[in-house]
């Protein structure tokens, strides 16, 4: 729109805004991943849009809001398990934004088919 390629209000302009907001939402999620209270409401407030609009942004994406948060938290936890083998698993779970150790174990085991401790001992 700034470059005059799309008229404000056109479908192309609306699509560009949607893509930009989705990208910004994903960056905000990544920046605030360690916060257990990370939610669509928090991201909506940061973006200045409604919670429904946040959910609509993710409807066209490959993963929902909660799936995106979970995937990023799991990626971060796997990285920390490998990079910091002496760090307690509970600290890693907390650093990745999981509310409880039990939730972390359940989600990790469902995604990776092994416990975080077993994952840590596997060769890279």
PDB file of N, CA and C in Angstrom:
ATOM      1  N   UNK A   1       0.829  -1.176   0.000  1.00  0.00           N
ATOM      2  CA  UNK A   1       0.000   0.000   0.000  1.00  0.00           C
ATOM      3  C   UNK A   1       0.881   1.249   0.000  1.00  0.00           C
ATOM      4  N   UNK A   2       1.967   1.220   0.776  1.00  0.00           N
ATOM      5  CA  UNK A   2       2.857   2.373   0.822  1.00  0.00           C
ATOM      6  C   UNK A   2       3.475   2.656  -0.537  1.00  0.00           C
ATOM      7  N   UNK A   3       3.751   1.627  -1.286  1.00  0.00           N
ATOM      8  CA  UNK A   3       4.396   1.783  -2.585  1.00  0.00           C
ATOM      9  C   UNK A   3       3.396   2.017  -3.713  1.00  0.00           C
ATOM     10  N   UNK A   4       2.127   2.019  -3.372  1.00  0.00           N
ATOM     11  CA  UNK A   4       1.114   2.258  -4.387  1.00  0.00           C
ATOM     12  C   UNK A   4       0.770   1.037  -5.210  1.00  0.00           C
ATOM     13  N   UNK A   5       1.250  -0.124  -4.781  1.00  0.00           N
ATOM     14  CA  UNK A   5       0.980  -1.355  -5.520  1.00  0.00           C
ATOM     15  C   UNK A   5      -0.458  -1.812  -5.287  1.00  0.00           C
ATOM     16  N   UNK A   6      -0.943  -1.593  -4.076  1.00  0.00           N
ATOM     17  CA  UNK A   6      -2.311  -2.009  -3.737  1.00  0.00           C
ATOM     18  C   UNK A   6      -3.088  -0.822  -3.197  1.00  0.00           C
ATOM     19  N   UNK A   7      -4.321  -0.732  -3.620  1.00  0.00           N
ATOM     20  CA  UNK A   7      -5.188   0.345  -3.109  1.00  0.00           C
ATOM     21  C   UNK A   7      -5.664  -0.023  -1.716  1.00  0.00           C
ATOM     22  N   UNK A   8      -5.716   0.949  -0.808  1.00  0.00           N
ATOM     23  CA  UNK A   8      -6.254   0.663   0.525  1.00  0.00           C
ATOM     24  C   UNK A   8      -7.673   0.107   0.403  1.00  0.00           C
ATOM     25  N   UNK A   9      -7.940  -0.935   1.153  1.00  0.00           N
ATOM     26  CA  UNK A   9      -9.267  -1.544   1.119  1.00  0.00           C
ATOM     27  C   UNK A   9      -9.432  -2.628   0.074  1.00  0.00           C
ATOM     28  N   UNK A  10      -8.483  -2.741  -0.851  1.00  0.00           N
ATOM     29  CA  UNK A  10      -8.591  -3.786  -1.873  1.00  0.00           C
ATOM     30  C   UNK A  10      -8.280  -5.146  -1.254  1.00  0.00           C
ATOM     31  N   UNK A  11      -8.634  -6.218  -1.961  1.00  0.00           N
ATOM     32  CA  UNK A  11      -8.350  -7.571  -1.458  1.00  0.00           C
ATOM     33  C   UNK A  11      -6.855  -7.786  -1.294  1.00  0.00           C
ATOM     34  N   UNK A  12      -6.072  -7.268  -2.224  1.00  0.00           N
ATOM     35  CA  UNK A  12      -4.617  -7.406  -2.146  1.00  0.00           C
ATOM     36  C   UNK A  12      -4.077  -6.693  -0.909  1.00  0.00           C
ATOM     37  N   UNK A  13      -4.603  -5.509  -0.629  1.00  0.00           N
ATOM     38  CA  UNK A  13      -4.177  -4.757   0.552  1.00  0.00           C
ATOM     39  C   UNK A  13      -4.586  -5.474   1.828  1.00  0.00           C
ATOM     40  N   UNK A  14      -5.791  -6.015   1.857  1.00  0.00           N
ATOM     41  CA  UNK A  14      -6.251  -6.746   3.039  1.00  0.00           C
ATOM     42  C   UNK A  14      -5.404  -7.991   3.275  1.00  0.00           C
ATOM     43  N   UNK A  15      -5.054  -8.681   2.200  1.00  0.00           N
ATOM     44  CA  UNK A  15      -4.201  -9.868   2.308  1.00  0.00           C
ATOM     45  C   UNK A  15      -2.816  -9.479   2.820  1.00  0.00           C
ATOM     46  N   UNK A  16      -2.285  -8.383   2.331  1.00  0.00           N
ATOM     47  CA  UNK A  16      -0.968  -7.921   2.782  1.00  0.00           C
ATOM     48  C   UNK A  16      -0.998  -7.577   4.276  1.00  0.00           C
ATOM     49  N   UNK A  17      -2.050  -6.931   4.725  1.00  0.00           N
ATOM     50  CA  UNK A  17      -2.184  -6.615   6.153  1.00  0.00           C
ATOM     51  C   UNK A  17      -2.290  -7.884   6.997  1.00  0.00           C
ATOM     52  N   UNK A  18      -3.047  -8.850   6.499  1.00  0.00           N
ATOM     53  CA  UNK A  18      -3.215 -10.114   7.217  1.00  0.00           C
ATOM     54  C   UNK A  18      -1.867 -10.837   7.354  1.00  0.00           C
ATOM     55  N   UNK A  19      -1.122 -10.897   6.268  1.00  0.00           N
ATOM     56  CA  UNK A  19       0.185 -11.559   6.282  1.00  0.00           C
ATOM     57  C   UNK A  19       1.140 -10.829   7.223  1.00  0.00           C
ATOM     58  N   UNK A  20       1.126  -9.515   7.177  1.00  0.00           N
ATOM     59  CA  UNK A  20       1.979  -8.730   8.064  1.00  0.00           C
ATOM     60  C   UNK A  20       1.624  -8.913   9.527  1.00  0.00           C
ATOM     61  N   UNK A  21       0.346  -8.917   9.828  1.00  0.00           N
ATOM     62  CA  UNK A  21      -0.083  -9.113  11.222  1.00  0.00           C
ATOM     63  C   UNK A  21       0.231 -10.523  11.708  1.00  0.00           C
ATOM     64  N   UNK A  22       0.064 -11.514  10.846  1.00  0.00           N
ATOM     65  CA  UNK A  22       0.391 -12.890  11.220  1.00  0.00           C
ATOM     66  C   UNK A  22       1.885 -13.007  11.511  1.00  0.00           C
ATOM     67  N   UNK A  23       2.695 -12.405  10.678  1.00  0.00           N
ATOM     68  CA  UNK A  23       4.141 -12.421  10.888  1.00  0.00           C
ATOM     69  C   UNK A  23       4.508 -11.750  12.206  1.00  0.00           C
ATOM     70  N   UNK A  24       3.899 -10.620  12.477  1.00  0.00           N
ATOM     71  CA  UNK A  24       4.156  -9.911  13.726  1.00  0.00           C
ATOM     72  C   UNK A  24       3.662 -10.722  14.920  1.00  0.00           C
ATOM     73  N   UNK A  25       2.523 -11.364  14.790  1.00  0.00           N
ATOM     74  CA  UNK A  25       1.998 -12.212  15.877  1.00  0.00           C
ATOM     75  C   UNK A  25       2.970 -13.343  16.177  1.00  0.00           C
ATOM     76  N   UNK A  26       3.512 -13.956  15.149  1.00  0.00           N
ATOM     77  CA  UNK A  26       4.480 -15.039  15.349  1.00  0.00           C
ATOM     78  C   UNK A  26       5.747 -14.531  16.032  1.00  0.00           C
ATOM     79  N   UNK A  27       6.203 -13.348  15.650  1.00  0.00           N
ATOM     80  CA  UNK A  27       7.388 -12.769  16.305  1.00  0.00           C
ATOM     81  C   UNK A  27       7.108 -12.463  17.771  1.00  0.00           C
ATOM     82  N   UNK A  28       5.920 -11.950  18.058  1.00  0.00           N
ATOM     83  CA  UNK A  28       5.556 -11.670  19.446  1.00  0.00           C
ATOM     84  C   UNK A  28       5.487 -12.956  20.266  1.00  0.00           C
ATOM     85  N   UNK A  29       4.954 -14.007  19.675  1.00  0.00           N
ATOM     86  CA  UNK A  29       4.906 -15.305  20.353  1.00  0.00           C
ATOM     87  C   UNK A  29       6.329 -15.750  20.679  1.00  0.00           C
ATOM     88  N   UNK A  30       7.219 -15.680  19.708  1.00  0.00           N
ATOM     89  CA  UNK A  30       8.604 -16.106  19.920  1.00  0.00           C
ATOM     90  C   UNK A  30       9.285 -15.266  21.002  1.00  0.00           C
ATOM     91  N   UNK A  31       9.014 -13.970  21.037  1.00  0.00           N
ATOM     92  CA  UNK A  31       9.626 -13.082  22.027  1.00  0.00           C
ATOM     93  C   UNK A  31       9.112 -13.335  23.434  1.00  0.00           C
ATOM     94  N   UNK A  32       7.876 -13.779  23.558  1.00  0.00           N
ATOM     95  CA  UNK A  32       7.244 -13.953  24.864  1.00  0.00           C
ATOM     96  C   UNK A  32       6.987 -15.425  25.192  1.00  0.00           C
ATOM     97  N   UNK A  33       7.715 -16.299  24.548  1.00  0.00           N
ATOM     98  CA  UNK A  33       7.505 -17.739  24.679  1.00  0.00           C
ATOM     99  C   UNK A  33       7.647 -18.238  26.112  1.00  0.00           C
ATOM    100  N   UNK A  34       8.525 -17.633  26.879  1.00  0.00           N
ATOM    101  CA  UNK A  34       8.769 -18.107  28.242  1.00  0.00           C
ATOM    102  C   UNK A  34       7.649 -17.722  29.214  1.00  0.00           C
ATOM    103  N   UNK A  35       6.747 -16.857  28.780  1.00  0.00           N
ATOM    104  CA  UNK A  35       5.641 -16.439  29.648  1.00  0.00           C
ATOM    105  C   UNK A  35       4.534 -17.484  29.624  1.00  0.00           C
ATOM    106  N   UNK A  36       4.278 -18.082  30.787  1.00  0.00           N
ATOM    107  CA  UNK A  36       3.228 -19.103  30.866  1.00  0.00           C
ATOM    108  C   UNK A  36       1.865 -18.522  30.512  1.00  0.00           C
ATOM    109  N   UNK A  37       1.680 -17.216  30.746  1.00  0.00           N
ATOM    110  CA  UNK A  37       0.394 -16.574  30.464  1.00  0.00           C
ATOM    111  C   UNK A  37       0.242 -16.128  29.005  1.00  0.00           C
ATOM    112  N   UNK A  38       1.165 -16.549  28.141  1.00  0.00           N
ATOM    113  CA  UNK A  38       1.071 -16.219  26.720  1.00  0.00           C
ATOM    114  C   UNK A  38      -0.247 -16.757  26.180  1.00  0.00           C
ATOM    115  N   UNK A  39      -1.047 -15.878  25.598  1.00  0.00           N
ATOM    116  CA  UNK A  39      -2.380 -16.263  25.140  1.00  0.00           C
ATOM    117  C   UNK A  39      -2.774 -15.409  23.943  1.00  0.00           C
ATOM    118  N   UNK A  40      -3.834 -15.807  23.254  1.00  0.00           N
ATOM    119  CA  UNK A  40      -4.341 -14.967  22.170  1.00  0.00           C
ATOM    120  C   UNK A  40      -4.717 -13.562  22.664  1.00  0.00           C
ATOM    121  N   UNK A  41      -5.221 -13.477  23.884  1.00  0.00           N
ATOM    122  CA  UNK A  41      -5.597 -12.174  24.444  1.00  0.00           C
ATOM    123  C   UNK A  41      -4.377 -11.274  24.603  1.00  0.00           C
ATOM    124  N   UNK A  42      -3.295 -11.830  25.104  1.00  0.00           N
ATOM    125  CA  UNK A  42      -2.062 -11.060  25.282  1.00  0.00           C
ATOM    126  C   UNK A  42      -1.531 -10.563  23.944  1.00  0.00           C
ATOM    127  N   UNK A  43      -1.495 -11.445  22.950  1.00  0.00           N
ATOM    128  CA  UNK A  43      -1.001 -11.070  21.617  1.00  0.00           C
ATOM    129  C   UNK A  43      -1.945 -10.056  20.970  1.00  0.00           C
ATOM    130  N   UNK A  44      -3.239 -10.251  21.134  1.00  0.00           N
ATOM    131  CA  UNK A  44      -4.214  -9.298  20.579  1.00  0.00           C
ATOM    132  C   UNK A  44      -3.998  -7.911  21.177  1.00  0.00           C
ATOM    133  N   UNK A  45      -3.775  -7.845  22.477  1.00  0.00           N
ATOM    134  CA  UNK A  45      -3.525  -6.559  23.129  1.00  0.00           C
ATOM    135  C   UNK A  45      -2.262  -5.906  22.585  1.00  0.00           C
ATOM    136  N   UNK A  46      -1.218  -6.695  22.387  1.00  0.00           N
ATOM    137  CA  UNK A  46       0.035  -6.152  21.850  1.00  0.00           C
ATOM    138  C   UNK A  46      -0.124  -5.648  20.415  1.00  0.00           C
ATOM    139  N   UNK A  47      -0.957  -6.327  19.644  1.00  0.00           N
ATOM    140  CA  UNK A  47      -1.185  -5.943  18.252  1.00  0.00           C
ATOM    141  C   UNK A  47      -2.256  -4.864  18.102  1.00  0.00           C
ATOM    142  N   UNK A  48      -3.060  -4.663  19.143  1.00  0.00           N
ATOM    143  CA  UNK A  48      -4.141  -3.700  19.058  1.00  0.00           C
ATOM    144  C   UNK A  48      -5.306  -4.186  18.220  1.00  0.00           C
ATOM    145  N   UNK A  49      -5.536  -5.502  18.259  1.00  0.00           N
ATOM    146  CA  UNK A  49      -6.649  -6.091  17.514  1.00  0.00           C
ATOM    147  C   UNK A  49      -7.445  -6.982  18.471  1.00  0.00           C
ATOM    148  N   UNK A  50      -8.564  -7.495  18.008  1.00  0.00           N
ATOM    149  CA  UNK A  50      -9.396  -8.343  18.858  1.00  0.00           C
ATOM    150  C   UNK A  50      -8.828  -9.764  18.917  1.00  0.00           C
ATOM    151  N   UNK A  51      -9.245 -10.487  19.946  1.00  0.00           N
ATOM    152  CA  UNK A  51      -8.843 -11.881  20.091  1.00  0.00           C
ATOM    153  C   UNK A  51      -9.374 -12.686  18.905  1.00  0.00           C
ATOM    154  N   UNK A  52     -10.590 -12.406  18.496  1.00  0.00           N
ATOM    155  CA  UNK A  52     -11.164 -13.099  17.325  1.00  0.00           C
ATOM    156  C   UNK A  52     -10.302 -12.872  16.087  1.00  0.00           C
ATOM    157  N   UNK A  53      -9.798 -11.658  15.937  1.00  0.00           N
ATOM    158  CA  UNK A  53      -8.948 -11.359  14.774  1.00  0.00           C
ATOM    159  C   UNK A  53      -7.653 -12.168  14.838  1.00  0.00           C
ATOM    160  N   UNK A  54      -7.093 -12.340  16.026  1.00  0.00           N
ATOM    161  CA  UNK A  54      -5.890 -13.165  16.178  1.00  0.00           C
ATOM    162  C   UNK A  54      -6.191 -14.584  15.707  1.00  0.00           C
ATOM    163  N   UNK A  55      -7.313 -15.131  16.151  1.00  0.00           N
ATOM    164  CA  UNK A  55      -7.673 -16.489  15.731  1.00  0.00           C
ATOM    165  C   UNK A  55      -7.900 -16.557  14.219  1.00  0.00           C
ATOM    166  N   UNK A  56      -8.491 -15.519  13.653  1.00  0.00           N
ATOM    167  CA  UNK A  56      -8.718 -15.495  12.205  1.00  0.00           C
ATOM    168  C   UNK A  56      -7.393 -15.462  11.441  1.00  0.00           C
ATOM    169  N   UNK A  57      -6.390 -14.764  11.967  1.00  0.00           N
ATOM    170  CA  UNK A  57      -5.073 -14.731  11.319  1.00  0.00           C
ATOM    171  C   UNK A  57      -4.487 -16.136  11.214  1.00  0.00           C
ATOM    172  N   UNK A  58      -4.661 -16.913  12.277  1.00  0.00           N
ATOM    173  CA  UNK A  58      -4.088 -18.253  12.308  1.00  0.00           C
ATOM    174  C   UNK A  58      -4.937 -19.279  11.574  1.00  0.00           C
ATOM    175  N   UNK A  59      -6.190 -18.948  11.240  1.00  0.00           N
ATOM    176  CA  UNK A  59      -7.039 -19.876  10.489  1.00  0.00           C
ATOM    177  C   UNK A  59      -6.456 -20.181   9.116  1.00  0.00           C
ATOM    178  N   UNK A  60      -5.790 -19.225   8.518  1.00  0.00           N
ATOM    179  CA  UNK A  60      -5.221 -19.427   7.191  1.00  0.00           C
ATOM    180  C   UNK A  60      -3.800 -19.980   7.250  1.00  0.00           C
ATOM    181  N   UNK A  61      -3.233 -20.061   8.450  1.00  0.00           N
ATOM    182  CA  UNK A  61      -1.875 -20.572   8.622  1.00  0.00           C
ATOM    183  C   UNK A  61      -1.902 -22.092   8.744  1.00  0.00           C
ATOM    184  N   UNK A  62      -0.728 -22.683   8.715  1.00  0.00           N
ATOM    185  CA  UNK A  62      -0.642 -24.138   8.800  1.00  0.00           C
ATOM    186  C   UNK A  62      -0.931 -24.663  10.211  1.00  0.00           C
ATOM    187  N   UNK A  63      -0.771 -23.797  11.230  1.00  0.00           N
ATOM    188  CA  UNK A  63      -1.029 -24.195  12.618  1.00  0.00           C
ATOM    189  C   UNK A  63      -1.857 -23.121  13.311  1.00  0.00           C
ATOM    190  N   UNK A  64      -2.686 -23.546  14.245  1.00  0.00           N
ATOM    191  CA  UNK A  64      -3.467 -22.611  15.044  1.00  0.00           C
ATOM    192  C   UNK A  64      -2.543 -21.858  16.000  1.00  0.00           C
ATOM    193  N   UNK A  65      -3.105 -20.894  16.713  1.00  0.00           N
ATOM    194  CA  UNK A  65      -2.328 -20.146  17.696  1.00  0.00           C
ATOM    195  C   UNK A  65      -1.708 -21.088  18.718  1.00  0.00           C
ATOM    196  N   UNK A  66      -2.525 -21.929  19.321  1.00  0.00           N
ATOM    197  CA  UNK A  66      -2.011 -22.814  20.378  1.00  0.00           C
ATOM    198  C   UNK A  66      -1.022 -23.837  19.832  1.00  0.00           C
ATOM    199  N   UNK A  67      -1.250 -24.333  18.632  1.00  0.00           N
ATOM    200  CA  UNK A  67      -0.299 -25.262  18.020  1.00  0.00           C
ATOM    201  C   UNK A  67       1.034 -24.568  17.749  1.00  0.00           C
ATOM    202  N   UNK A  68       0.983 -23.318  17.327  1.00  0.00           N
ATOM    203  CA  UNK A  68       2.201 -22.544  17.079  1.00  0.00           C
ATOM    204  C   UNK A  68       2.986 -22.366  18.375  1.00  0.00           C
ATOM    205  N   UNK A  69       2.293 -21.974  19.435  1.00  0.00           N
ATOM    206  CA  UNK A  69       2.948 -21.774  20.731  1.00  0.00           C
ATOM    207  C   UNK A  69       3.572 -23.087  21.210  1.00  0.00           C
ATOM    208  N   UNK A  70       2.828 -24.161  21.138  1.00  0.00           N
ATOM    209  CA  UNK A  70       3.326 -25.459  21.597  1.00  0.00           C
ATOM    210  C   UNK A  70       4.532 -25.908  20.775  1.00  0.00           C
ATOM    211  N   UNK A  71       4.461 -25.768  19.462  1.00  0.00           N
ATOM    212  CA  UNK A  71       5.574 -26.182  18.599  1.00  0.00           C
ATOM    213  C   UNK A  71       6.835 -25.377  18.911  1.00  0.00           C
ATOM    214  N   UNK A  72       6.689 -24.079  19.087  1.00  0.00           N
ATOM    215  CA  UNK A  72       7.852 -23.248  19.406  1.00  0.00           C
ATOM    216  C   UNK A  72       8.416 -23.588  20.779  1.00  0.00           C
ATOM    217  N   UNK A  73       7.546 -23.838  21.742  1.00  0.00           N
ATOM    218  CA  UNK A  73       8.011 -24.220  23.083  1.00  0.00           C
ATOM    219  C   UNK A  73       8.742 -25.557  23.044  1.00  0.00           C
ATOM    220  N   UNK A  74       8.231 -26.500  22.289  1.00  0.00           N
ATOM    221  CA  UNK A  74       8.896 -27.799  22.174  1.00  0.00           C
ATOM    222  C   UNK A  74      10.244 -27.673  21.475  1.00  0.00           C
ATOM    223  N   UNK A  75      10.308 -26.886  20.407  1.00  0.00           N
ATOM    224  CA  UNK A  75      11.583 -26.664  19.712  1.00  0.00           C
ATOM    225  C   UNK A  75      12.612 -26.062  20.670  1.00  0.00           C
ATOM    226  N   UNK A  76      12.178 -25.064  21.424  1.00  0.00           N
ATOM    227  CA  UNK A  76      13.079 -24.405  22.372  1.00  0.00           C
ATOM    228  C   UNK A  76      13.522 -25.381  23.457  1.00  0.00           C
ATOM    229  N   UNK A  77      12.600 -26.191  23.956  1.00  0.00           N
ATOM    230  CA  UNK A  77      12.951 -27.144  25.013  1.00  0.00           C
ATOM    231  C   UNK A  77      13.930 -28.198  24.492  1.00  0.00           C
ATOM    232  N   UNK A  78      13.732 -28.676  23.280  1.00  0.00           N
ATOM    233  CA  UNK A  78      14.674 -29.661  22.716  1.00  0.00           C
ATOM    234  C   UNK A  78      16.067 -29.053  22.586  1.00  0.00           C
ATOM    235  N   UNK A  79      16.121 -27.806  22.146  1.00  0.00           N
ATOM    236  CA  UNK A  79      17.404 -27.120  22.015  1.00  0.00           C
ATOM    237  C   UNK A  79      18.086 -26.991  23.384  1.00  0.00           C
ATOM    238  N   UNK A  80      17.325 -26.577  24.396  1.00  0.00           N
ATOM    239  CA  UNK A  80      17.900 -26.414  25.733  1.00  0.00           C
ATOM    240  C   UNK A  80      18.332 -27.749  26.334  1.00  0.00           C
ATOM    241  N   UNK A  81      17.568 -28.800  26.091  1.00  0.00           N
ATOM    242  CA  UNK A  81      17.947 -30.115  26.604  1.00  0.00           C
ATOM    243  C   UNK A  81      19.287 -30.562  26.038  1.00  0.00           C
ATOM    244  N   UNK A  82      19.555 -30.236  24.803  1.00  0.00           N
ATOM    245  CA  UNK A  82      20.833 -30.604  24.166  1.00  0.00           C
ATOM    246  C   UNK A  82      21.972 -29.666  24.585  1.00  0.00           C
ATOM    247  N   UNK A  83      21.672 -28.359  24.616  1.00  0.00           N
ATOM    248  CA  UNK A  83      22.724 -27.365  24.861  1.00  0.00           C
ATOM    249  C   UNK A  83      23.094 -27.227  26.334  1.00  0.00           C
ATOM    250  N   UNK A  84      22.192 -27.570  27.230  1.00  0.00           N
ATOM    251  CA  UNK A  84      22.439 -27.405  28.667  1.00  0.00           C
ATOM    252  C   UNK A  84      22.131 -28.711  29.398  1.00  0.00           C
ATOM    253  N   UNK A  85      22.979 -29.738  29.207  1.00  0.00           N
ATOM    254  CA  UNK A  85      22.669 -31.057  29.780  1.00  0.00           C
ATOM    255  C   UNK A  85      22.652 -31.093  31.311  1.00  0.00           C
ATOM    256  N   UNK A  86      23.262 -30.133  31.960  1.00  0.00           N
ATOM    257  CA  UNK A  86      23.266 -30.116  33.430  1.00  0.00           C
ATOM    258  C   UNK A  86      22.095 -29.337  34.009  1.00  0.00           C
ATOM    259  N   UNK A  87      21.404 -28.604  33.164  1.00  0.00           N
ATOM    260  CA  UNK A  87      20.285 -27.780  33.644  1.00  0.00           C
ATOM    261  C   UNK A  87      19.101 -28.680  34.011  1.00  0.00           C
ATOM    262  N   UNK A  88      18.500 -28.472  35.163  1.00  0.00           N
ATOM    263  CA  UNK A  88      17.356 -29.301  35.552  1.00  0.00           C
ATOM    264  C   UNK A  88      16.198 -29.191  34.550  1.00  0.00           C
ATOM    265  N   UNK A  89      15.539 -30.302  34.328  1.00  0.00           N
ATOM    266  CA  UNK A  89      14.435 -30.342  33.374  1.00  0.00           C
ATOM    267  C   UNK A  89      13.318 -29.396  33.806  1.00  0.00           C
ATOM    268  N   UNK A  90      13.087 -29.271  35.089  1.00  0.00           N
ATOM    269  CA  UNK A  90      12.047 -28.351  35.575  1.00  0.00           C
ATOM    270  C   UNK A  90      12.376 -26.912  35.185  1.00  0.00           C
ATOM    271  N   UNK A  91      13.654 -26.522  35.248  1.00  0.00           N
ATOM    272  CA  UNK A  91      14.055 -25.171  34.829  1.00  0.00           C
ATOM    273  C   UNK A  91      13.813 -24.968  33.339  1.00  0.00           C
ATOM    274  N   UNK A  92      14.106 -25.982  32.554  1.00  0.00           N
ATOM    275  CA  UNK A  92      13.899 -25.901  31.108  1.00  0.00           C
ATOM    276  C   UNK A  92      12.410 -25.771  30.806  1.00  0.00           C
ATOM    277  N   UNK A  93      11.596 -26.559  31.469  1.00  0.00           N
ATOM    278  CA  UNK A  93      10.145 -26.481  31.265  1.00  0.00           C
ATOM    279  C   UNK A  93       9.638 -25.079  31.589  1.00  0.00           C
ATOM    280  N   UNK A  94      10.089 -24.531  32.689  1.00  0.00           N
ATOM    281  CA  UNK A  94       9.669 -23.186  33.094  1.00  0.00           C
ATOM    282  C   UNK A  94      10.179 -22.132  32.104  1.00  0.00           C
ATOM    283  N   UNK A  95      11.427 -22.263  31.669  1.00  0.00           N
ATOM    284  CA  UNK A  95      12.011 -21.307  30.723  1.00  0.00           C
ATOM    285  C   UNK A  95      11.292 -21.317  29.377  1.00  0.00           C
ATOM    286  N   UNK A  96      10.657 -22.422  29.060  1.00  0.00           N
ATOM    287  CA  UNK A  96       9.938 -22.546  27.787  1.00  0.00           C
ATOM    288  C   UNK A  96       8.464 -22.194  27.914  1.00  0.00           C
ATOM    289  N   UNK A  97       8.046 -21.784  29.108  1.00  0.00           N
ATOM    290  CA  UNK A  97       6.680 -21.310  29.282  1.00  0.00           C
ATOM    291  C   UNK A  97       5.660 -22.351  29.675  1.00  0.00           C
ATOM    292  N   UNK A  98       6.106 -23.546  30.007  1.00  0.00           N
ATOM    293  CA  UNK A  98       5.152 -24.564  30.447  1.00  0.00           C
ATOM    294  C   UNK A  98       4.754 -24.274  31.888  1.00  0.00           C
ATOM    295  N   UNK A  99       3.462 -24.340  32.153  1.00  0.00           N
ATOM    296  CA  UNK A  99       2.945 -23.995  33.477  1.00  0.00           C
ATOM    297  C   UNK A  99       3.333 -24.994  34.548  1.00  0.00           C
ATOM    298  N   UNK A 100       3.465 -26.251  34.167  1.00  0.00           N
ATOM    299  CA  UNK A 100       3.836 -27.263  35.150  1.00  0.00           C
ATOM    300  C   UNK A 100       4.755 -28.291  34.505  1.00  0.00           C
ATOM    301  N   UNK A 101       5.497 -28.961  35.355  1.00  0.00           N
ATOM    302  CA  UNK A 101       6.392 -30.006  34.887  1.00  0.00           C
ATOM    303  C   UNK A 101       5.591 -31.166  34.297  1.00  0.00           C
ATOM    304  N   UNK A 102       4.456 -31.473  34.905  1.00  0.00           N
ATOM    305  CA  UNK A 102       3.611 -32.561  34.400  1.00  0.00           C
ATOM    306  C   UNK A 102       3.110 -32.259  32.984  1.00  0.00           C
ATOM    307  N   UNK A 103       2.701 -31.023  32.750  1.00  0.00           N
ATOM    308  CA  UNK A 103       2.252 -30.631  31.409  1.00  0.00           C
ATOM    309  C   UNK A 103       3.395 -30.746  30.414  1.00  0.00           C
ATOM    310  N   UNK A 104       4.571 -30.284  30.818  1.00  0.00           N
ATOM    311  CA  UNK A 104       5.741 -30.375  29.940  1.00  0.00           C
ATOM    312  C   UNK A 104       6.022 -31.829  29.564  1.00  0.00           C
ATOM    313  N   UNK A 105       6.052 -32.715  30.546  1.00  0.00           N
ATOM    314  CA  UNK A 105       6.316 -34.126  30.269  1.00  0.00           C
ATOM    315  C   UNK A 105       5.255 -34.722  29.339  1.00  0.00           C
ATOM    316  N   UNK A 106       4.000 -34.401  29.593  1.00  0.00           N
ATOM    317  CA  UNK A 106       2.906 -34.946  28.777  1.00  0.00           C
ATOM    318  C   UNK A 106       3.005 -34.471  27.331  1.00  0.00           C
ATOM    319  N   UNK A 107       3.199 -33.172  27.147  1.00  0.00           N
ATOM    320  CA  UNK A 107       3.272 -32.596  25.795  1.00  0.00           C
ATOM    321  C   UNK A 107       4.535 -33.073  25.081  1.00  0.00           C
ATOM    322  N   UNK A 108       5.653 -33.086  25.786  1.00  0.00           N
ATOM    323  CA  UNK A 108       6.922 -33.514  25.186  1.00  0.00           C
ATOM    324  C   UNK A 108       6.835 -34.973  24.760  1.00  0.00           C
ATOM    325  N   UNK A 109       6.337 -35.820  25.649  1.00  0.00           N
ATOM    326  CA  UNK A 109       6.238 -37.241  25.340  1.00  0.00           C
ATOM    327  C   UNK A 109       5.294 -37.495  24.163  1.00  0.00           C
ATOM    328  N   UNK A 110       4.195 -36.748  24.089  1.00  0.00           N
ATOM    329  CA  UNK A 110       3.253 -36.905  22.972  1.00  0.00           C
ATOM    330  C   UNK A 110       3.896 -36.501  21.646  1.00  0.00           C
ATOM    331  N   UNK A 111       4.746 -35.485  21.672  1.00  0.00           N
ATOM    332  CA  UNK A 111       5.361 -34.987  20.433  1.00  0.00           C
ATOM    333  C   UNK A 111       6.585 -35.784  20.011  1.00  0.00           C
ATOM    334  N   UNK A 112       7.381 -36.213  20.981  1.00  0.00           N
ATOM    335  CA  UNK A 112       8.681 -36.817  20.681  1.00  0.00           C
ATOM    336  C   UNK A 112       8.703 -38.326  20.950  1.00  0.00           C
ATOM    337  N   UNK A 113       7.692 -38.845  21.617  1.00  0.00           N
ATOM    338  CA  UNK A 113       7.578 -40.266  21.963  1.00  0.00           C
ATOM    339  C   UNK A 113       8.681 -40.733  22.918  1.00  0.00           C
ATOM    340  N   UNK A 114       9.146 -39.817  23.746  1.00  0.00           N
ATOM    341  CA  UNK A 114      10.075 -40.157  24.819  1.00  0.00           C
ATOM    342  C   UNK A 114      10.074 -39.037  25.837  1.00  0.00           C
ATOM    343  N   UNK A 115      10.558 -39.341  27.012  1.00  0.00           N
ATOM    344  CA  UNK A 115      10.595 -38.325  28.059  1.00  0.00           C
ATOM    345  C   UNK A 115      11.721 -37.331  27.771  1.00  0.00           C
ATOM    346  N   UNK A 116      11.659 -36.137  28.351  1.00  0.00           N
ATOM    347  CA  UNK A 116      12.745 -35.179  28.171  1.00  0.00           C
ATOM    348  C   UNK A 116      14.100 -35.743  28.618  1.00  0.00           C
ATOM    349  N   UNK A 117      14.104 -36.506  29.705  1.00  0.00           N
ATOM    350  CA  UNK A 117      15.358 -37.110  30.176  1.00  0.00           C
ATOM    351  C   UNK A 117      15.932 -38.100  29.166  1.00  0.00           C
ATOM    352  N   UNK A 118      15.067 -38.925  28.588  1.00  0.00           N
ATOM    353  CA  UNK A 118      15.515 -39.865  27.561  1.00  0.00           C
ATOM    354  C   UNK A 118      16.016 -39.128  26.317  1.00  0.00           C
ATOM    355  N   UNK A 119      15.302 -38.074  25.940  1.00  0.00           N
ATOM    356  CA  UNK A 119      15.706 -37.269  24.777  1.00  0.00           C
ATOM    357  C   UNK A 119      17.104 -36.693  24.993  1.00  0.00           C
ATOM    358  N   UNK A 120      17.334 -36.198  26.195  1.00  0.00           N
ATOM    359  CA  UNK A 120      18.613 -35.576  26.528  1.00  0.00           C
ATOM    360  C   UNK A 120      19.769 -36.571  26.368  1.00  0.00           C
ATOM    361  N   UNK A 121      19.529 -37.833  26.695  1.00  0.00           N
ATOM    362  CA  UNK A 121      20.614 -38.827  26.644  1.00  0.00           C
ATOM    363  C   UNK A 121      20.819 -39.440  25.254  1.00  0.00           C
ATOM    364  N   UNK A 122      19.890 -39.192  24.343  1.00  0.00           N
ATOM    365  CA  UNK A 122      20.027 -39.722  22.981  1.00  0.00           C
ATOM    366  C   UNK A 122      21.148 -38.990  22.249  1.00  0.00           C
ATOM    367  N   UNK A 123      21.882 -39.686  21.396  1.00  0.00           N
ATOM    368  CA  UNK A 123      22.900 -38.990  20.592  1.00  0.00           C
ATOM    369  C   UNK A 123      22.232 -37.976  19.668  1.00  0.00           C
ATOM    370  N   UNK A 124      22.909 -36.874  19.445  1.00  0.00           N
ATOM    371  CA  UNK A 124      22.345 -35.784  18.619  1.00  0.00           C
ATOM    372  C   UNK A 124      22.130 -36.179  17.192  1.00  0.00           C
TER     373      UNK A 124
END
